[in-house]
């Protein structure tokens, strides 16, 4: 149908929800920590945000390789933080995750 109409096709990526065990991920609840002054901001290394993870020392390459290694799935995935450290080391030495 798309070829017949001569329009550009659209690539659709499906991905699952990543839940981390024993980790608070709700933006509403994390906002309370920022507003209360318990943490300095969204880039606090204790936060499970991209900025916080980057401040822990995780590289962008390791993060993208880790997410791609999970594969396309619509099932909810529960993970621990340990594989992130392995992904960072594996990317630094050139191993696939």
PDB file of N, CA and C in Angstrom:
ATOM      1  N   UNK A   1       0.817  -1.182   0.000  1.00  0.00           N
ATOM      2  CA  UNK A   1       0.000   0.000   0.000  1.00  0.00           C
ATOM      3  C   UNK A   1       0.874   1.264   0.000  1.00  0.00           C
ATOM      4  N   UNK A   2       1.929   1.232   0.830  1.00  0.00           N
ATOM      5  CA  UNK A   2       2.812   2.392   0.923  1.00  0.00           C
ATOM      6  C   UNK A   2       3.549   2.602  -0.397  1.00  0.00           C
ATOM      7  N   UNK A   3       4.005   1.493  -1.000  1.00  0.00           N
ATOM      8  CA  UNK A   3       4.691   1.598  -2.294  1.00  0.00           C
ATOM      9  C   UNK A   3       3.748   2.098  -3.380  1.00  0.00           C
ATOM     10  N   UNK A   4       2.514   1.632  -3.318  1.00  0.00           N
ATOM     11  CA  UNK A   4       1.535   2.038  -4.327  1.00  0.00           C
ATOM     12  C   UNK A   4       1.245   3.531  -4.239  1.00  0.00           C
ATOM     13  N   UNK A   5       1.230   4.068  -3.031  1.00  0.00           N
ATOM     14  CA  UNK A   5       0.974   5.496  -2.840  1.00  0.00           C
ATOM     15  C   UNK A   5       2.230   6.331  -3.046  1.00  0.00           C
ATOM     16  N   UNK A   6       3.398   5.681  -3.010  1.00  0.00           N
ATOM     17  CA  UNK A   6       4.645   6.406  -3.213  1.00  0.00           C
ATOM     18  C   UNK A   6       5.055   7.259  -2.026  1.00  0.00           C
ATOM     19  N   UNK A   7       4.675   6.822  -0.809  1.00  0.00           N
ATOM     20  CA  UNK A   7       5.058   7.579   0.388  1.00  0.00           C
ATOM     21  C   UNK A   7       6.141   6.822   1.144  1.00  0.00           C
ATOM     22  N   UNK A   8       6.827   7.547   1.970  1.00  0.00           N
ATOM     23  CA  UNK A   8       7.931   6.987   2.756  1.00  0.00           C
ATOM     24  C   UNK A   8       7.385   6.102   3.872  1.00  0.00           C
ATOM     25  N   UNK A   9       8.013   4.933   4.054  1.00  0.00           N
ATOM     26  CA  UNK A   9       7.616   4.035   5.131  1.00  0.00           C
ATOM     27  C   UNK A   9       8.132   4.524   6.476  1.00  0.00           C
ATOM     28  N   UNK A  10       7.461   4.115   7.530  1.00  0.00           N
ATOM     29  CA  UNK A  10       7.822   4.531   8.878  1.00  0.00           C
ATOM     30  C   UNK A  10       8.304   3.303   9.650  1.00  0.00           C
ATOM     31  N   UNK A  11       9.460   3.418  10.287  1.00  0.00           N
ATOM     32  CA  UNK A  11       9.978   2.339  11.121  1.00  0.00           C
ATOM     33  C   UNK A  11       9.411   2.502  12.529  1.00  0.00           C
ATOM     34  N   UNK A  12       8.796   1.458  13.045  1.00  0.00           N
ATOM     35  CA  UNK A  12       8.216   1.494  14.389  1.00  0.00           C
ATOM     36  C   UNK A  12       9.026   0.562  15.277  1.00  0.00           C
ATOM     37  N   UNK A  13       9.513   1.109  16.387  1.00  0.00           N
ATOM     38  CA  UNK A  13      10.296   0.334  17.338  1.00  0.00           C
ATOM     39  C   UNK A  13       9.436   0.046  18.555  1.00  0.00           C
ATOM     40  N   UNK A  14       9.279  -1.215  18.895  1.00  0.00           N
ATOM     41  CA  UNK A  14       8.591  -1.612  20.114  1.00  0.00           C
ATOM     42  C   UNK A  14       9.627  -1.896  21.187  1.00  0.00           C
ATOM     43  N   UNK A  15       9.365  -1.489  22.386  1.00  0.00           N
ATOM     44  CA  UNK A  15      10.272  -1.779  23.471  1.00  0.00           C
ATOM     45  C   UNK A  15       9.476  -1.970  24.748  1.00  0.00           C
ATOM     46  N   UNK A  16      10.086  -2.667  25.686  1.00  0.00           N
ATOM     47  CA  UNK A  16       9.399  -2.983  26.931  1.00  0.00           C
ATOM     48  C   UNK A  16       9.694  -1.921  27.991  1.00  0.00           C
ATOM     49  N   UNK A  17       8.951  -1.997  29.053  1.00  0.00           N
ATOM     50  CA  UNK A  17       9.166  -1.136  30.207  1.00  0.00           C
ATOM     51  C   UNK A  17      10.257  -1.762  31.056  1.00  0.00           C
ATOM     52  N   UNK A  18      11.275  -0.995  31.400  1.00  0.00           N
ATOM     53  CA  UNK A  18      12.341  -1.490  32.257  1.00  0.00           C
ATOM     54  C   UNK A  18      12.071  -1.070  33.689  1.00  0.00           C
ATOM     55  N   UNK A  19      11.908  -2.039  34.559  1.00  0.00           N
ATOM     56  CA  UNK A  19      11.760  -1.788  35.988  1.00  0.00           C
ATOM     57  C   UNK A  19      13.031  -2.237  36.678  1.00  0.00           C
ATOM     58  N   UNK A  20      13.508  -1.453  37.615  1.00  0.00           N
ATOM     59  CA  UNK A  20      14.681  -1.826  38.381  1.00  0.00           C
ATOM     60  C   UNK A  20      14.254  -2.215  39.788  1.00  0.00           C
ATOM     61  N   UNK A  21      14.759  -3.372  40.236  1.00  0.00           N
ATOM     62  CA  UNK A  21      14.390  -3.918  41.535  1.00  0.00           C
ATOM     63  C   UNK A  21      14.918  -2.997  42.629  1.00  0.00           C
ATOM     64  N   UNK A  22      14.080  -2.734  43.630  1.00  0.00           N
ATOM     65  CA  UNK A  22      14.408  -1.882  44.780  1.00  0.00           C
ATOM     66  C   UNK A  22      14.797  -0.465  44.366  1.00  0.00           C
ATOM     67  N   UNK A  23      14.173   0.058  43.322  1.00  0.00           N
ATOM     68  CA  UNK A  23      14.491   1.399  42.842  1.00  0.00           C
ATOM     69  C   UNK A  23      13.217   2.205  42.658  1.00  0.00           C
ATOM     70  N   UNK A  24      13.203   3.388  43.199  1.00  0.00           N
ATOM     71  CA  UNK A  24      12.090   4.306  43.050  1.00  0.00           C
ATOM     72  C   UNK A  24      12.201   5.007  41.702  1.00  0.00           C
ATOM     73  N   UNK A  25      11.229   4.813  40.823  1.00  0.00           N
ATOM     74  CA  UNK A  25      11.307   5.366  39.477  1.00  0.00           C
ATOM     75  C   UNK A  25      10.255   6.429  39.190  1.00  0.00           C
ATOM     76  N   UNK A  26       9.320   6.644  40.086  1.00  0.00           N
ATOM     77  CA  UNK A  26       8.237   7.589  39.846  1.00  0.00           C
ATOM     78  C   UNK A  26       8.761   9.026  39.849  1.00  0.00           C
ATOM     79  N   UNK A  27       8.487   9.742  38.778  1.00  0.00           N
ATOM     80  CA  UNK A  27       8.957  11.129  38.681  1.00  0.00           C
ATOM     81  C   UNK A  27       8.334  11.988  39.784  1.00  0.00           C
ATOM     82  N   UNK A  28       7.080  11.704  40.096  1.00  0.00           N
ATOM     83  CA  UNK A  28       6.399  12.466  41.149  1.00  0.00           C
ATOM     84  C   UNK A  28       7.100  12.281  42.487  1.00  0.00           C
ATOM     85  N   UNK A  29       7.509  11.062  42.795  1.00  0.00           N
ATOM     86  CA  UNK A  29       8.182  10.804  44.071  1.00  0.00           C
ATOM     87  C   UNK A  29       9.627  11.309  44.069  1.00  0.00           C
ATOM     88  N   UNK A  30      10.295  11.186  42.927  1.00  0.00           N
ATOM     89  CA  UNK A  30      11.661  11.706  42.845  1.00  0.00           C
ATOM     90  C   UNK A  30      11.672  13.231  42.958  1.00  0.00           C
ATOM     91  N   UNK A  31      10.622  13.867  42.434  1.00  0.00           N
ATOM     92  CA  UNK A  31      10.511  15.329  42.496  1.00  0.00           C
ATOM     93  C   UNK A  31      10.476  15.796  43.944  1.00  0.00           C
ATOM     94  N   UNK A  32       9.889  15.005  44.834  1.00  0.00           N
ATOM     95  CA  UNK A  32       9.815  15.365  46.249  1.00  0.00           C
ATOM     96  C   UNK A  32      11.213  15.494  46.841  1.00  0.00           C
ATOM     97  N   UNK A  33      12.128  14.587  46.476  1.00  0.00           N
ATOM     98  CA  UNK A  33      13.495  14.648  46.976  1.00  0.00           C
ATOM     99  C   UNK A  33      14.197  15.920  46.511  1.00  0.00           C
ATOM    100  N   UNK A  34      13.953  16.308  45.264  1.00  0.00           N
ATOM    101  CA  UNK A  34      14.569  17.516  44.724  1.00  0.00           C
ATOM    102  C   UNK A  34      13.992  18.749  45.415  1.00  0.00           C
ATOM    103  N   UNK A  35      12.664  18.818  45.545  1.00  0.00           N
ATOM    104  CA  UNK A  35      12.014  19.972  46.165  1.00  0.00           C
ATOM    105  C   UNK A  35      12.363  20.109  47.642  1.00  0.00           C
ATOM    106  N   UNK A  36      12.552  18.992  48.334  1.00  0.00           N
ATOM    107  CA  UNK A  36      12.873  19.021  49.767  1.00  0.00           C
ATOM    108  C   UNK A  36      14.330  19.381  50.022  1.00  0.00           C
ATOM    109  N   UNK A  37      15.151  19.353  48.999  1.00  0.00           N
ATOM    110  CA  UNK A  37      16.560  19.678  49.165  1.00  0.00           C
ATOM    111  C   UNK A  37      17.399  18.508  49.647  1.00  0.00           C
ATOM    112  N   UNK A  38      16.834  17.306  49.649  1.00  0.00           N
ATOM    113  CA  UNK A  38      17.580  16.123  50.072  1.00  0.00           C
ATOM    114  C   UNK A  38      18.687  15.818  49.065  1.00  0.00           C
ATOM    115  N   UNK A  39      18.404  16.049  47.793  1.00  0.00           N
ATOM    116  CA  UNK A  39      19.413  15.913  46.735  1.00  0.00           C
ATOM    117  C   UNK A  39      19.571  17.265  46.053  1.00  0.00           C
ATOM    118  N   UNK A  40      20.698  17.453  45.381  1.00  0.00           N
ATOM    119  CA  UNK A  40      20.970  18.752  44.755  1.00  0.00           C
ATOM    120  C   UNK A  40      20.188  18.984  43.478  1.00  0.00           C
ATOM    121  N   UNK A  41      19.856  17.914  42.768  1.00  0.00           N
ATOM    122  CA  UNK A  41      19.131  18.074  41.511  1.00  0.00           C
ATOM    123  C   UNK A  41      18.932  16.738  40.836  1.00  0.00           C
ATOM    124  N   UNK A  42      18.422  16.804  39.622  1.00  0.00           N
ATOM    125  CA  UNK A  42      18.116  15.591  38.867  1.00  0.00           C
ATOM    126  C   UNK A  42      19.363  14.841  38.433  1.00  0.00           C
ATOM    127  N   UNK A  43      20.535  15.478  38.511  1.00  0.00           N
ATOM    128  CA  UNK A  43      21.763  14.802  38.110  1.00  0.00           C
ATOM    129  C   UNK A  43      22.512  14.197  39.291  1.00  0.00           C
ATOM    130  N   UNK A  44      21.830  14.052  40.438  1.00  0.00           N
ATOM    131  CA  UNK A  44      22.439  13.416  41.595  1.00  0.00           C
ATOM    132  C   UNK A  44      22.759  11.957  41.260  1.00  0.00           C
ATOM    133  N   UNK A  45      23.947  11.474  41.569  1.00  0.00           N
ATOM    134  CA  UNK A  45      24.327  10.103  41.201  1.00  0.00           C
ATOM    135  C   UNK A  45      23.454   9.023  41.837  1.00  0.00           C
ATOM    136  N   UNK A  46      22.725   9.366  42.891  1.00  0.00           N
ATOM    137  CA  UNK A  46      21.846   8.377  43.525  1.00  0.00           C
ATOM    138  C   UNK A  46      20.526   8.223  42.795  1.00  0.00           C
ATOM    139  N   UNK A  47      20.234   9.121  41.865  1.00  0.00           N
ATOM    140  CA  UNK A  47      18.969   9.078  41.129  1.00  0.00           C
ATOM    141  C   UNK A  47      19.040   8.120  39.942  1.00  0.00           C
ATOM    142  N   UNK A  48      17.935   7.432  39.643  1.00  0.00           N
ATOM    143  CA  UNK A  48      17.912   6.531  38.487  1.00  0.00           C
ATOM    144  C   UNK A  48      17.551   7.258  37.195  1.00  0.00           C
ATOM    145  N   UNK A  49      18.099   8.443  37.016  1.00  0.00           N
ATOM    146  CA  UNK A  49      17.856   9.211  35.789  1.00  0.00           C
ATOM    147  C   UNK A  49      19.079   9.071  34.882  1.00  0.00           C
ATOM    148  N   UNK A  50      18.920   9.420  33.628  1.00  0.00           N
ATOM    149  CA  UNK A  50      20.057   9.336  32.704  1.00  0.00           C
ATOM    150  C   UNK A  50      21.198  10.215  33.194  1.00  0.00           C
ATOM    151  N   UNK A  51      20.867  11.406  33.653  1.00  0.00           N
ATOM    152  CA  UNK A  51      21.914  12.316  34.139  1.00  0.00           C
ATOM    153  C   UNK A  51      22.603  11.757  35.382  1.00  0.00           C
ATOM    154  N   UNK A  52      21.820  11.129  36.271  1.00  0.00           N
ATOM    155  CA  UNK A  52      22.402  10.533  37.468  1.00  0.00           C
ATOM    156  C   UNK A  52      23.287   9.344  37.149  1.00  0.00           C
ATOM    157  N   UNK A  53      22.833   8.519  36.208  1.00  0.00           N
ATOM    158  CA  UNK A  53      23.615   7.357  35.797  1.00  0.00           C
ATOM    159  C   UNK A  53      24.917   7.798  35.130  1.00  0.00           C
ATOM    160  N   UNK A  54      24.855   8.852  34.341  1.00  0.00           N
ATOM    161  CA  UNK A  54      26.071   9.375  33.688  1.00  0.00           C
ATOM    162  C   UNK A  54      27.060   9.889  34.723  1.00  0.00           C
ATOM    163  N   UNK A  55      26.556  10.500  35.798  1.00  0.00           N
ATOM    164  CA  UNK A  55      27.462  11.004  36.847  1.00  0.00           C
ATOM    165  C   UNK A  55      28.101   9.875  37.636  1.00  0.00           C
ATOM    166  N   UNK A  56      27.484   8.684  37.614  1.00  0.00           N
ATOM    167  CA  UNK A  56      28.093   7.519  38.256  1.00  0.00           C
ATOM    168  C   UNK A  56      29.265   6.991  37.454  1.00  0.00           C
ATOM    169  N   UNK A  57      29.366   7.414  36.202  1.00  0.00           N
ATOM    170  CA  UNK A  57      30.489   6.989  35.372  1.00  0.00           C
ATOM    171  C   UNK A  57      30.093   6.091  34.225  1.00  0.00           C
ATOM    172  N   UNK A  58      28.805   5.844  34.032  1.00  0.00           N
ATOM    173  CA  UNK A  58      28.374   4.999  32.924  1.00  0.00           C
ATOM    174  C   UNK A  58      28.468   5.793  31.629  1.00  0.00           C
ATOM    175  N   UNK A  59      29.073   5.203  30.607  1.00  0.00           N
ATOM    176  CA  UNK A  59      29.225   5.897  29.337  1.00  0.00           C
ATOM    177  C   UNK A  59      27.951   5.773  28.503  1.00  0.00           C
ATOM    178  N   UNK A  60      27.786   6.663  27.557  1.00  0.00           N
ATOM    179  CA  UNK A  60      26.622   6.643  26.678  1.00  0.00           C
ATOM    180  C   UNK A  60      26.629   5.381  25.824  1.00  0.00           C
ATOM    181  N   UNK A  61      27.809   4.969  25.357  1.00  0.00           N
ATOM    182  CA  UNK A  61      27.916   3.747  24.557  1.00  0.00           C
ATOM    183  C   UNK A  61      27.467   2.526  25.355  1.00  0.00           C
ATOM    184  N   UNK A  62      27.884   2.446  26.622  1.00  0.00           N
ATOM    185  CA  UNK A  62      27.503   1.307  27.454  1.00  0.00           C
ATOM    186  C   UNK A  62      26.006   1.298  27.701  1.00  0.00           C
ATOM    187  N   UNK A  63      25.425   2.463  27.919  1.00  0.00           N
ATOM    188  CA  UNK A  63      23.983   2.543  28.152  1.00  0.00           C
ATOM    189  C   UNK A  63      23.208   2.108  26.918  1.00  0.00           C
ATOM    190  N   UNK A  64      23.593   2.582  25.753  1.00  0.00           N
ATOM    191  CA  UNK A  64      22.874   2.214  24.536  1.00  0.00           C
ATOM    192  C   UNK A  64      23.075   0.735  24.206  1.00  0.00           C
ATOM    193  N   UNK A  65      24.274   0.202  24.425  1.00  0.00           N
ATOM    194  CA  UNK A  65      24.511  -1.223  24.188  1.00  0.00           C
ATOM    195  C   UNK A  65      23.696  -2.085  25.145  1.00  0.00           C
ATOM    196  N   UNK A  66      23.574  -1.644  26.381  1.00  0.00           N
ATOM    197  CA  UNK A  66      22.796  -2.402  27.368  1.00  0.00           C
ATOM    198  C   UNK A  66      21.322  -2.438  26.975  1.00  0.00           C
ATOM    199  N   UNK A  67      20.781  -1.306  26.566  1.00  0.00           N
ATOM    200  CA  UNK A  67      19.375  -1.245  26.176  1.00  0.00           C
ATOM    201  C   UNK A  67      19.136  -2.090  24.930  1.00  0.00           C
ATOM    202  N   UNK A  68      20.025  -2.004  23.945  1.00  0.00           N
ATOM    203  CA  UNK A  68      19.873  -2.805  22.733  1.00  0.00           C
ATOM    204  C   UNK A  68      20.012  -4.294  23.011  1.00  0.00           C
ATOM    205  N   UNK A  69      20.830  -4.666  23.997  1.00  0.00           N
ATOM    206  CA  UNK A  69      21.018  -6.076  24.335  1.00  0.00           C
ATOM    207  C   UNK A  69      19.756  -6.689  24.950  1.00  0.00           C
ATOM    208  N   UNK A  70      18.878  -5.855  25.515  1.00  0.00           N
ATOM    209  CA  UNK A  70      17.636  -6.379  26.083  1.00  0.00           C
ATOM    210  C   UNK A  70      16.720  -6.923  24.999  1.00  0.00           C
ATOM    211  N   UNK A  71      16.862  -6.398  23.789  1.00  0.00           N
ATOM    212  CA  UNK A  71      16.090  -6.891  22.654  1.00  0.00           C
ATOM    213  C   UNK A  71      14.680  -6.326  22.614  1.00  0.00           C
ATOM    214  N   UNK A  72      14.040  -6.421  21.443  1.00  0.00           N
ATOM    215  CA  UNK A  72      12.675  -5.920  21.316  1.00  0.00           C
ATOM    216  C   UNK A  72      11.698  -6.869  22.013  1.00  0.00           C
ATOM    217  N   UNK A  73      10.938  -6.336  22.915  1.00  0.00           N
ATOM    218  CA  UNK A  73       9.970  -7.132  23.659  1.00  0.00           C
ATOM    219  C   UNK A  73       8.896  -6.209  24.191  1.00  0.00           C
ATOM    220  N   UNK A  74       7.708  -6.726  24.343  1.00  0.00           N
ATOM    221  CA  UNK A  74       6.633  -5.927  24.934  1.00  0.00           C
ATOM    222  C   UNK A  74       6.371  -6.334  26.371  1.00  0.00           C
ATOM    223  N   UNK A  75       7.108  -7.330  26.864  1.00  0.00           N
ATOM    224  CA  UNK A  75       6.950  -7.771  28.240  1.00  0.00           C
ATOM    225  C   UNK A  75       7.712  -6.828  29.167  1.00  0.00           C
ATOM    226  N   UNK A  76       7.211  -6.651  30.371  1.00  0.00           N
ATOM    227  CA  UNK A  76       7.881  -5.816  31.364  1.00  0.00           C
ATOM    228  C   UNK A  76       9.110  -6.564  31.881  1.00  0.00           C
ATOM    229  N   UNK A  77      10.249  -5.885  31.898  1.00  0.00           N
ATOM    230  CA  UNK A  77      11.510  -6.498  32.300  1.00  0.00           C
ATOM    231  C   UNK A  77      11.932  -5.910  33.645  1.00  0.00           C
ATOM    232  N   UNK A  78      12.202  -6.779  34.627  1.00  0.00           N
ATOM    233  CA  UNK A  78      12.695  -6.346  35.931  1.00  0.00           C
ATOM    234  C   UNK A  78      14.188  -6.641  36.000  1.00  0.00           C
ATOM    235  N   UNK A  79      14.971  -5.620  36.261  1.00  0.00           N
ATOM    236  CA  UNK A  79      16.431  -5.737  36.250  1.00  0.00           C
ATOM    237  C   UNK A  79      17.028  -5.253  37.558  1.00  0.00           C
ATOM    238  N   UNK A  80      18.269  -5.639  37.778  1.00  0.00           N
ATOM    239  CA  UNK A  80      19.052  -5.086  38.869  1.00  0.00           C
ATOM    240  C   UNK A  80      20.108  -4.172  38.266  1.00  0.00           C
ATOM    241  N   UNK A  81      20.808  -3.425  39.105  1.00  0.00           N
ATOM    242  CA  UNK A  81      21.789  -2.456  38.616  1.00  0.00           C
ATOM    243  C   UNK A  81      23.113  -3.108  38.220  1.00  0.00           C
ATOM    244  N   UNK A  82      23.378  -4.328  38.660  1.00  0.00           N
ATOM    245  CA  UNK A  82      24.667  -4.973  38.390  1.00  0.00           C
ATOM    246  C   UNK A  82      25.009  -5.082  36.898  1.00  0.00           C
ATOM    247  N   UNK A  83      24.064  -5.448  36.022  1.00  0.00           N
ATOM    248  CA  UNK A  83      24.428  -5.549  34.603  1.00  0.00           C
ATOM    249  C   UNK A  83      24.900  -4.230  33.983  1.00  0.00           C
ATOM    250  N   UNK A  84      24.484  -3.091  34.554  1.00  0.00           N
ATOM    251  CA  UNK A  84      24.953  -1.807  34.038  1.00  0.00           C
ATOM    252  C   UNK A  84      26.455  -1.677  34.215  1.00  0.00           C
ATOM    253  N   UNK A  85      26.956  -2.095  35.370  1.00  0.00           N
ATOM    254  CA  UNK A  85      28.395  -2.028  35.601  1.00  0.00           C
ATOM    255  C   UNK A  85      29.153  -2.916  34.646  1.00  0.00           C
ATOM    256  N   UNK A  86      28.618  -4.112  34.393  1.00  0.00           N
ATOM    257  CA  UNK A  86      29.252  -5.014  33.439  1.00  0.00           C
ATOM    258  C   UNK A  86      29.231  -4.420  32.039  1.00  0.00           C
ATOM    259  N   UNK A  87      28.109  -3.802  31.661  1.00  0.00           N
ATOM    260  CA  UNK A  87      28.004  -3.198  30.329  1.00  0.00           C
ATOM    261  C   UNK A  87      29.046  -2.097  30.158  1.00  0.00           C
ATOM    262  N   UNK A  88      29.288  -1.330  31.212  1.00  0.00           N
ATOM    263  CA  UNK A  88      30.263  -0.252  31.151  1.00  0.00           C
ATOM    264  C   UNK A  88      31.677  -0.809  30.970  1.00  0.00           C
ATOM    265  N   UNK A  89      32.018  -1.851  31.740  1.00  0.00           N
ATOM    266  CA  UNK A  89      33.336  -2.462  31.620  1.00  0.00           C
ATOM    267  C   UNK A  89      33.493  -3.130  30.266  1.00  0.00           C
ATOM    268  N   UNK A  90      32.454  -3.842  29.810  1.00  0.00           N
ATOM    269  CA  UNK A  90      32.515  -4.540  28.526  1.00  0.00           C
ATOM    270  C   UNK A  90      32.706  -3.568  27.370  1.00  0.00           C
ATOM    271  N   UNK A  91      32.042  -2.423  27.431  1.00  0.00           N
ATOM    272  CA  UNK A  91      32.179  -1.428  26.382  1.00  0.00           C
ATOM    273  C   UNK A  91      33.577  -0.807  26.403  1.00  0.00           C
ATOM    274  N   UNK A  92      34.118  -0.586  27.597  1.00  0.00           N
ATOM    275  CA  UNK A  92      35.457   0.001  27.709  1.00  0.00           C
ATOM    276  C   UNK A  92      36.530  -0.902  27.115  1.00  0.00           C
ATOM    277  N   UNK A  93      36.365  -2.228  27.266  1.00  0.00           N
ATOM    278  CA  UNK A  93      37.407  -3.130  26.765  1.00  0.00           C
ATOM    279  C   UNK A  93      37.057  -3.713  25.399  1.00  0.00           C
ATOM    280  N   UNK A  94      35.883  -3.334  24.863  1.00  0.00           N
ATOM    281  CA  UNK A  94      35.543  -3.725  23.511  1.00  0.00           C
ATOM    282  C   UNK A  94      34.763  -5.027  23.387  1.00  0.00           C
ATOM    283  N   UNK A  95      34.241  -5.554  24.487  1.00  0.00           N
ATOM    284  CA  UNK A  95      33.456  -6.799  24.442  1.00  0.00           C
ATOM    285  C   UNK A  95      31.997  -6.473  24.106  1.00  0.00           C
ATOM    286  N   UNK A  96      31.293  -7.363  23.447  1.00  0.00           N
ATOM    287  CA  UNK A  96      29.850  -7.176  23.285  1.00  0.00           C
ATOM    288  C   UNK A  96      29.149  -7.478  24.591  1.00  0.00           C
ATOM    289  N   UNK A  97      28.067  -6.767  24.890  1.00  0.00           N
ATOM    290  CA  UNK A  97      27.344  -6.975  26.167  1.00  0.00           C
ATOM    291  C   UNK A  97      26.660  -8.304  26.215  1.00  0.00           C
TER     292      UNK A  97
END
